[in-house]
């Protein structure tokens, strides 16, 4: 069953790869859009007002006794 499915897949792949180049769409010579179709960009800025402290966790990794990694997590709020 697997061989049949692989055989059909390779047959389809070979058939699609041998398609003539004339079947591809032709690109037009005028690739630049006219000036009337260009719209003005709109820039939107939003400002979020946060209340309360901003806290982050500062992670410090160091070597302790016997070469083990010691991880210290300190919460810093400002």
Protein backbone atom coordinates (compact mmCIF):
# COMPACT_ATOMS: atom_id res chain seq x y z
CA UNK A 1 0.00 0.00 0.00
CA UNK A 2 2.82 2.37 0.89
CA UNK A 3 4.61 1.67 -2.39
CA UNK A 4 1.45 2.48 -4.36
CA UNK A 5 1.02 5.81 -2.60
CA UNK A 6 4.68 6.73 -3.14
CA UNK A 7 4.44 5.74 -6.80
CA UNK A 8 1.39 7.95 -7.36
CA UNK A 9 3.09 10.86 -5.56
CA UNK A 10 6.24 10.60 -7.70
CA UNK A 11 4.17 10.35 -10.88
CA UNK A 12 2.29 13.54 -10.00
CA UNK A 13 5.51 15.32 -9.07
CA UNK A 14 7.16 14.37 -12.34
CA UNK A 15 4.09 15.42 -14.33
CA UNK A 16 3.98 18.85 -12.70
CA UNK A 17 7.71 19.46 -13.09
CA UNK A 18 7.56 18.75 -16.84
CA UNK A 19 4.90 21.42 -17.50
CA UNK A 20 5.84 23.71 -20.40
CA UNK A 21 7.08 27.20 -19.60
CA UNK A 22 4.34 28.68 -21.78
CA UNK A 23 1.80 27.65 -19.14
CA UNK A 24 3.23 30.24 -16.73
CA UNK A 25 1.48 33.63 -16.55
CA UNK A 26 3.12 36.47 -18.44
CA UNK A 27 4.18 39.49 -16.38
CA UNK A 28 3.11 42.82 -17.82
CA UNK A 29 5.69 45.46 -18.67
CA UNK A 30 4.01 48.14 -16.52
CA UNK A 31 4.88 47.05 -12.99
CA UNK A 32 4.67 50.50 -11.35
CA UNK A 33 1.26 51.40 -9.92
CA UNK A 34 -0.29 54.69 -11.06
CA UNK A 35 -0.12 57.61 -8.63
CA UNK A 36 -3.90 57.64 -8.14
CA UNK A 37 -3.89 54.19 -6.51
CA UNK A 38 -1.36 55.13 -3.78
CA UNK A 39 -3.04 56.03 -0.50
CA UNK A 40 -1.66 58.13 2.32
CA UNK A 41 -0.34 56.09 5.26
CA UNK A 42 -2.09 56.58 8.57
CA UNK A 43 -0.04 56.55 11.75
CA UNK A 44 -1.84 55.80 14.99
CA UNK A 45 -0.15 56.26 18.34
CA UNK A 46 -1.63 54.96 21.56
CA UNK A 47 -0.39 55.77 25.03
CA UNK A 48 -1.17 53.42 27.89
CA UNK A 49 -1.31 54.95 31.34
CA UNK A 50 -0.21 52.38 33.90
CA UNK A 51 -0.87 52.74 37.56
CA UNK A 52 1.22 51.26 40.31
CA UNK A 53 4.79 50.06 40.43
CA UNK A 54 6.53 48.25 37.59
CA UNK A 55 8.16 45.11 38.86
CA UNK A 56 10.74 42.91 37.16
CA UNK A 57 12.55 39.82 38.30
CA UNK A 58 16.34 40.02 38.18
CA UNK A 59 17.96 36.59 37.87
CA UNK A 60 21.56 36.18 39.02
CA UNK A 61 23.43 32.95 38.34
CA UNK A 62 26.69 32.24 40.14
CA UNK A 63 28.80 29.31 41.21
CA UNK A 64 28.37 28.19 44.78
CA UNK A 65 30.46 25.82 46.82
CA UNK A 66 31.44 22.58 45.09
CA UNK A 67 30.88 24.22 41.68
CA UNK A 68 27.08 24.11 41.70
CA UNK A 69 25.07 26.82 39.98
CA UNK A 70 23.19 29.04 42.43
CA UNK A 71 20.25 30.98 40.99
CA UNK A 72 19.05 34.04 42.90
CA UNK A 73 15.81 35.73 41.85
CA UNK A 74 15.27 39.23 43.19
CA UNK A 75 12.09 41.19 42.47
CA UNK A 76 12.82 44.84 41.72
CA UNK A 77 9.94 47.33 41.76
CA UNK A 78 10.30 50.96 40.68
